Amino acid sequence: MKKLISLIGLVGLSLIMSLGLSVSQTAASSVSSSSLNNEVTPLANSRYIVHHELFNGEVSPPKTYYYSDSLGYSGTLKLEWYIYSAYENKTSATYAGTVSCSGICAMSQPTFE
């Protein structure tokens, strides 16, 4: 009788353990596929930004540009180059640099603005 109870207990314990592992694996895969839409969202506290700015007329653009976005990243970008278009009467400037986020913020896909 003791052997039968021990055997039932052992089978029950192994069943509970295998069911628990199965539930954990299912929960982990459903979180990654439904919440993230099968895309990995890396986290970081800084990222490299390239930003384009247009100015009216033939001007010398400022040497720096303060960048801030909706993800929480902000910082000062440096002027990389600029060019004047007489046809459009506009000066196009390109700023670049590393901006930071207080804490850990999600990184979106790289975009050029």
N, C-alpha and C. Protein backbone atom coordinates (compact mmCIF):
# COMPACT_ATOMS: atom_id res chain seq x y z
N MET A 1 0.81 -1.19 0.00
CA MET A 1 0.00 0.00 0.00
C MET A 1 0.86 1.26 0.00
N LYS A 2 1.95 1.28 0.81
CA LYS A 2 2.84 2.43 0.85
C LYS A 2 3.51 2.65 -0.51
N LYS A 3 3.85 1.50 -1.17
CA LYS A 3 4.48 1.62 -2.49
C LYS A 3 3.51 2.22 -3.50
N LEU A 4 2.26 1.84 -3.44
CA LEU A 4 1.24 2.36 -4.35
C LEU A 4 1.04 3.86 -4.13
N ILE A 5 0.98 4.31 -2.89
CA ILE A 5 0.82 5.73 -2.58
C ILE A 5 2.06 6.50 -3.02
N SER A 6 3.23 5.94 -2.80
CA SER A 6 4.48 6.59 -3.23
C SER A 6 4.53 6.71 -4.74
N LEU A 7 4.11 5.64 -5.42
CA LEU A 7 4.11 5.65 -6.89
C LEU A 7 3.12 6.68 -7.42
N ILE A 8 1.94 6.76 -6.85
CA ILE A 8 0.94 7.76 -7.27
C ILE A 8 1.47 9.17 -6.99
N GLY A 9 2.08 9.36 -5.84
CA GLY A 9 2.65 10.66 -5.50
C GLY A 9 3.76 11.06 -6.46
N LEU A 10 4.62 10.11 -6.82
CA LEU A 10 5.72 10.37 -7.75
C LEU A 10 5.20 10.72 -9.14
N VAL A 11 4.20 9.97 -9.61
CA VAL A 11 3.60 10.25 -10.91
C VAL A 11 2.92 11.62 -10.88
N GLY A 12 2.20 11.91 -9.81
CA GLY A 12 1.53 13.21 -9.69
C GLY A 12 2.52 14.36 -9.66
N LEU A 13 3.60 14.19 -8.91
CA LEU A 13 4.63 15.23 -8.85
C LEU A 13 5.29 15.46 -10.20
N SER A 14 5.61 14.38 -10.90
CA SER A 14 6.22 14.55 -12.23
C SER A 14 5.24 15.19 -13.22
N LEU A 15 3.95 14.85 -13.08
CA LEU A 15 2.94 15.46 -13.94
C LEU A 15 2.82 16.96 -13.66
N ILE A 16 2.81 17.34 -12.39
CA ILE A 16 2.73 18.76 -12.02
C ILE A 16 3.97 19.52 -12.52
N MET A 17 5.14 18.91 -12.36
CA MET A 17 6.38 19.57 -12.81
C MET A 17 6.39 19.75 -14.32
N SER A 18 5.99 18.74 -15.07
CA SER A 18 6.00 18.86 -16.53
C SER A 18 4.94 19.85 -16.99
N LEU A 19 3.80 19.89 -16.33
CA LEU A 19 2.75 20.84 -16.66
C LEU A 19 3.21 22.26 -16.35
N GLY A 20 3.89 22.45 -15.23
CA GLY A 20 4.40 23.77 -14.87
C GLY A 20 5.41 24.28 -15.87
N LEU A 21 6.32 23.43 -16.35
CA LEU A 21 7.30 23.84 -17.35
C LEU A 21 6.62 24.16 -18.67
N SER A 22 5.62 23.37 -19.02
CA SER A 22 4.90 23.61 -20.26
C SER A 22 4.18 24.96 -20.21
N VAL A 23 3.55 25.28 -19.09
CA VAL A 23 2.85 26.55 -18.94
C VAL A 23 3.83 27.70 -19.03
N SER A 24 5.00 27.59 -18.40
CA SER A 24 6.00 28.65 -18.43
C SER A 24 6.47 28.91 -19.85
N GLN A 25 6.73 27.86 -20.60
CA GLN A 25 7.20 28.03 -21.97
C GLN A 25 6.12 28.66 -22.83
N THR A 26 4.89 28.27 -22.66
CA THR A 26 3.79 28.84 -23.43
C THR A 26 3.63 30.32 -23.10
N ALA A 27 3.69 30.66 -21.83
CA ALA A 27 3.53 32.05 -21.43
C ALA A 27 4.65 32.90 -22.01
N ALA A 28 5.87 32.39 -21.99
CA ALA A 28 7.00 33.17 -22.51
C ALA A 28 6.86 33.39 -24.00
N SER A 29 6.47 32.37 -24.76
CA SER A 29 6.39 32.57 -26.20
C SER A 29 5.20 33.44 -26.58
N SER A 30 4.08 33.37 -25.82
CA SER A 30 2.95 34.22 -26.17
C SER A 30 3.25 35.68 -25.87
N VAL A 31 4.03 35.97 -24.84
CA VAL A 31 4.40 37.34 -24.53
C VAL A 31 5.27 37.91 -25.63
N SER A 32 6.27 37.14 -26.08
CA SER A 32 7.19 37.67 -27.08
C SER A 32 6.51 37.85 -28.43
N SER A 33 5.57 36.99 -28.78
CA SER A 33 4.98 37.13 -30.10
C SER A 33 3.82 38.13 -30.14
N SER A 34 2.99 38.18 -29.11
CA SER A 34 1.85 39.09 -29.17
C SER A 34 2.22 40.51 -28.77
N SER A 35 3.05 40.68 -27.73
CA SER A 35 3.38 42.02 -27.27
C SER A 35 4.33 42.74 -28.20
N LEU A 36 5.25 41.99 -28.78
CA LEU A 36 6.28 42.64 -29.59
C LEU A 36 6.04 42.48 -31.08
N ASN A 37 4.93 41.84 -31.46
CA ASN A 37 4.61 41.64 -32.87
C ASN A 37 5.76 41.01 -33.64
N ASN A 38 6.39 40.02 -33.04
CA ASN A 38 7.51 39.29 -33.64
C ASN A 38 8.71 40.17 -33.96
N GLU A 39 8.82 41.33 -33.35
CA GLU A 39 9.97 42.21 -33.53
C GLU A 39 10.63 42.43 -32.19
N VAL A 40 11.94 42.40 -32.18
CA VAL A 40 12.67 42.66 -30.95
C VAL A 40 12.81 44.16 -30.78
N THR A 41 12.49 44.67 -29.60
CA THR A 41 12.65 46.08 -29.31
C THR A 41 13.86 46.23 -28.40
N PRO A 42 14.99 46.61 -28.97
CA PRO A 42 16.17 46.76 -28.12
C PRO A 42 16.03 47.96 -27.19
N LEU A 43 16.69 47.88 -26.06
CA LEU A 43 16.67 48.96 -25.09
C LEU A 43 18.06 49.57 -25.01
N ALA A 44 18.12 50.88 -24.85
CA ALA A 44 19.41 51.54 -24.76
C ALA A 44 19.25 52.87 -24.06
N ASN A 45 20.36 53.45 -23.62
CA ASN A 45 20.28 54.77 -23.02
C ASN A 45 20.94 55.82 -23.90
N SER A 46 21.39 55.44 -25.09
CA SER A 46 21.89 56.41 -26.06
C SER A 46 21.74 55.84 -27.46
N ARG A 47 21.71 56.74 -28.45
CA ARG A 47 21.67 56.30 -29.85
C ARG A 47 22.19 57.40 -30.75
N TYR A 48 22.61 57.02 -31.94
CA TYR A 48 23.16 57.95 -32.92
C TYR A 48 22.03 58.46 -33.80
N ILE A 49 21.99 59.79 -33.99
CA ILE A 49 20.92 60.44 -34.75
C ILE A 49 21.52 61.26 -35.89
N VAL A 50 20.88 61.21 -37.06
CA VAL A 50 21.16 62.12 -38.18
C VAL A 50 19.89 62.90 -38.42
N HIS A 51 19.98 64.22 -38.38
CA HIS A 51 18.80 65.07 -38.51
C HIS A 51 19.04 66.12 -39.59
N HIS A 52 18.05 66.32 -40.47
CA HIS A 52 18.13 67.31 -41.54
C HIS A 52 17.21 68.48 -41.21
N GLU A 53 17.71 69.67 -41.42
CA GLU A 53 16.95 70.89 -41.11
C GLU A 53 17.02 71.83 -42.32
N LEU A 54 15.88 72.45 -42.67
CA LEU A 54 15.82 73.42 -43.77
C LEU A 54 15.68 74.83 -43.22
N PHE A 55 16.43 75.76 -43.81
CA PHE A 55 16.35 77.17 -43.45
C PHE A 55 16.00 77.97 -44.68
N ASN A 56 15.21 79.01 -44.51
CA ASN A 56 14.86 79.89 -45.63
C ASN A 56 16.04 80.79 -45.97
N GLY A 57 16.32 80.91 -47.27
CA GLY A 57 17.38 81.81 -47.73
C GLY A 57 18.77 81.20 -47.63
N GLU A 58 19.76 82.02 -47.99
CA GLU A 58 21.15 81.60 -47.92
C GLU A 58 21.70 82.04 -46.57
N VAL A 59 21.80 81.07 -45.65
CA VAL A 59 22.23 81.37 -44.29
C VAL A 59 23.33 80.41 -43.88
N SER A 60 24.06 80.82 -42.86
CA SER A 60 25.00 79.90 -42.21
C SER A 60 24.26 79.29 -41.03
N PRO A 61 23.97 78.01 -41.08
CA PRO A 61 23.19 77.39 -40.01
C PRO A 61 23.96 77.37 -38.68
N PRO A 62 23.24 77.29 -37.58
CA PRO A 62 23.93 77.18 -36.28
C PRO A 62 24.83 75.95 -36.24
N LYS A 63 25.89 76.01 -35.49
CA LYS A 63 26.86 74.91 -35.40
C LYS A 63 26.30 73.71 -34.64
N THR A 64 25.28 73.94 -33.82
CA THR A 64 24.66 72.86 -33.06
C THR A 64 23.15 72.93 -33.18
N TYR A 65 22.51 71.80 -32.90
CA TYR A 65 21.04 71.70 -32.94
C TYR A 65 20.60 70.86 -31.75
N TYR A 66 19.67 71.36 -30.95
CA TYR A 66 19.16 70.59 -29.83
C TYR A 66 18.08 69.64 -30.32
N TYR A 67 18.28 68.35 -30.11
CA TYR A 67 17.35 67.31 -30.57
C TYR A 67 16.59 66.72 -29.38
N SER A 68 15.29 66.48 -29.58
CA SER A 68 14.46 65.84 -28.56
C SER A 68 13.36 65.08 -29.29
N ASP A 69 13.07 63.84 -28.84
CA ASP A 69 12.01 63.07 -29.51
C ASP A 69 11.03 62.48 -28.50
N SER A 70 9.99 61.84 -29.02
CA SER A 70 8.92 61.31 -28.18
C SER A 70 9.32 60.06 -27.40
N LEU A 71 10.45 59.43 -27.74
CA LEU A 71 10.92 58.26 -27.01
C LEU A 71 11.71 58.63 -25.76
N GLY A 72 12.00 59.93 -25.60
CA GLY A 72 12.73 60.39 -24.42
C GLY A 72 14.19 60.70 -24.67
N TYR A 73 14.66 60.56 -25.90
CA TYR A 73 16.04 60.86 -26.23
C TYR A 73 16.20 62.36 -26.48
N SER A 74 17.29 62.91 -26.01
CA SER A 74 17.58 64.32 -26.26
C SER A 74 19.08 64.55 -26.16
N GLY A 75 19.51 65.63 -26.78
CA GLY A 75 20.92 65.99 -26.74
C GLY A 75 21.27 66.96 -27.84
N THR A 76 22.50 67.39 -27.87
CA THR A 76 22.97 68.37 -28.84
C THR A 76 23.67 67.66 -29.99
N LEU A 77 23.21 67.95 -31.21
CA LEU A 77 23.83 67.41 -32.43
C LEU A 77 24.75 68.47 -33.02
N LYS A 78 25.80 68.02 -33.70
CA LYS A 78 26.74 68.95 -34.33
C LYS A 78 26.48 69.04 -35.83
N LEU A 79 26.71 70.21 -36.37
CA LEU A 79 26.54 70.44 -37.80
C LEU A 79 27.60 69.64 -38.57
N GLU A 80 27.15 68.78 -39.47
CA GLU A 80 28.06 67.98 -40.29
C GLU A 80 28.38 68.71 -41.60
N TRP A 81 27.35 69.20 -42.28
CA TRP A 81 27.52 69.94 -43.51
C TRP A 81 26.23 70.67 -43.85
N TYR A 82 26.34 71.63 -44.79
CA TYR A 82 25.14 72.31 -45.27
C TYR A 82 25.37 72.73 -46.72
N ILE A 83 24.24 72.96 -47.42
CA ILE A 83 24.31 73.36 -48.82
C ILE A 83 23.14 74.30 -49.10
N TYR A 84 23.40 75.28 -49.96
CA TYR A 84 22.37 76.25 -50.33
C TYR A 84 21.86 75.93 -51.73
N SER A 85 20.54 75.95 -51.89
CA SER A 85 19.91 75.77 -53.20
C SER A 85 19.33 77.11 -53.64
N ALA A 86 19.96 77.71 -54.66
CA ALA A 86 19.48 78.99 -55.17
C ALA A 86 18.09 78.82 -55.82
N TYR A 87 17.85 77.69 -56.43
CA TYR A 87 16.58 77.42 -57.07
C TYR A 87 15.43 77.46 -56.06
N GLU A 88 15.62 76.82 -54.88
CA GLU A 88 14.59 76.80 -53.85
C GLU A 88 14.74 77.93 -52.84
N ASN A 89 15.87 78.64 -52.89
CA ASN A 89 16.21 79.67 -51.92
C ASN A 89 16.13 79.13 -50.49
N LYS A 90 16.74 77.94 -50.31
CA LYS A 90 16.76 77.29 -49.00
C LYS A 90 18.16 76.74 -48.73
N THR A 91 18.51 76.71 -47.44
CA THR A 91 19.75 76.09 -47.00
C THR A 91 19.39 74.81 -46.26
N SER A 92 19.97 73.70 -46.70
CA SER A 92 19.74 72.40 -46.07
C SER A 92 20.95 72.05 -45.21
N ALA A 93 20.71 71.75 -43.94
CA ALA A 93 21.80 71.42 -43.02
C ALA A 93 21.59 70.01 -42.48
N THR A 94 22.69 69.32 -42.29
CA THR A 94 22.67 67.98 -41.70
C THR A 94 23.42 68.00 -40.39
N TYR A 95 22.73 67.59 -39.33
CA TYR A 95 23.31 67.50 -37.99
C TYR A 95 23.39 66.02 -37.59
N ALA A 96 24.39 65.68 -36.80
CA ALA A 96 24.53 64.30 -36.35
C ALA A 96 25.19 64.26 -34.98
N GLY A 97 24.92 63.18 -34.27
CA GLY A 97 25.55 62.98 -32.97
C GLY A 97 24.81 61.95 -32.15
N THR A 98 25.33 61.69 -30.98
CA THR A 98 24.74 60.73 -30.06
C THR A 98 23.89 61.47 -29.04
N VAL A 99 22.65 61.02 -28.91
CA VAL A 99 21.74 61.59 -27.92
C VAL A 99 21.50 60.55 -26.84
N SER A 100 21.08 60.99 -25.68
CA SER A 100 20.90 60.05 -24.58
C SER A 100 19.50 60.14 -24.00
N CYS A 101 19.18 59.16 -23.18
CA CYS A 101 17.88 59.07 -22.53
C CYS A 101 18.13 58.86 -21.06
N SER A 102 17.38 59.55 -20.22
CA SER A 102 17.54 59.31 -18.79
C SER A 102 16.86 57.99 -18.47
N GLY A 103 17.62 57.03 -18.02
CA GLY A 103 17.11 55.68 -17.79
C GLY A 103 17.34 54.82 -19.01
N ILE A 104 16.55 53.79 -19.16
CA ILE A 104 16.64 52.88 -20.30
C ILE A 104 15.40 53.11 -21.16
N CYS A 105 15.61 53.45 -22.42
CA CYS A 105 14.49 53.74 -23.32
C CYS A 105 14.51 52.79 -24.51
N ALA A 106 13.33 52.58 -25.08
CA ALA A 106 13.23 51.73 -26.27
C ALA A 106 13.84 52.44 -27.46
N MET A 107 14.47 51.65 -28.31
CA MET A 107 15.01 52.19 -29.56
C MET A 107 14.04 51.83 -30.68
N SER A 108 13.65 52.80 -31.44
CA SER A 108 12.83 52.51 -32.61
C SER A 108 13.76 52.07 -33.72
N GLN A 109 13.17 51.68 -34.84
CA GLN A 109 13.99 51.36 -36.00
C GLN A 109 14.73 52.62 -36.43
N PRO A 110 15.96 52.49 -36.93
CA PRO A 110 16.71 53.69 -37.34
C PRO A 110 15.94 54.49 -38.38
N THR A 111 15.84 55.77 -38.16
CA THR A 111 15.16 56.64 -39.12
C THR A 111 16.04 57.85 -39.39
N PHE A 112 15.89 58.37 -40.56
CA PHE A 112 16.57 59.60 -40.92
C PHE A 112 15.53 60.67 -41.05
N GLU A 113 15.65 61.69 -40.25
CA GLU A 113 14.64 62.77 -40.24
C GLU A 113 15.12 63.96 -41.03
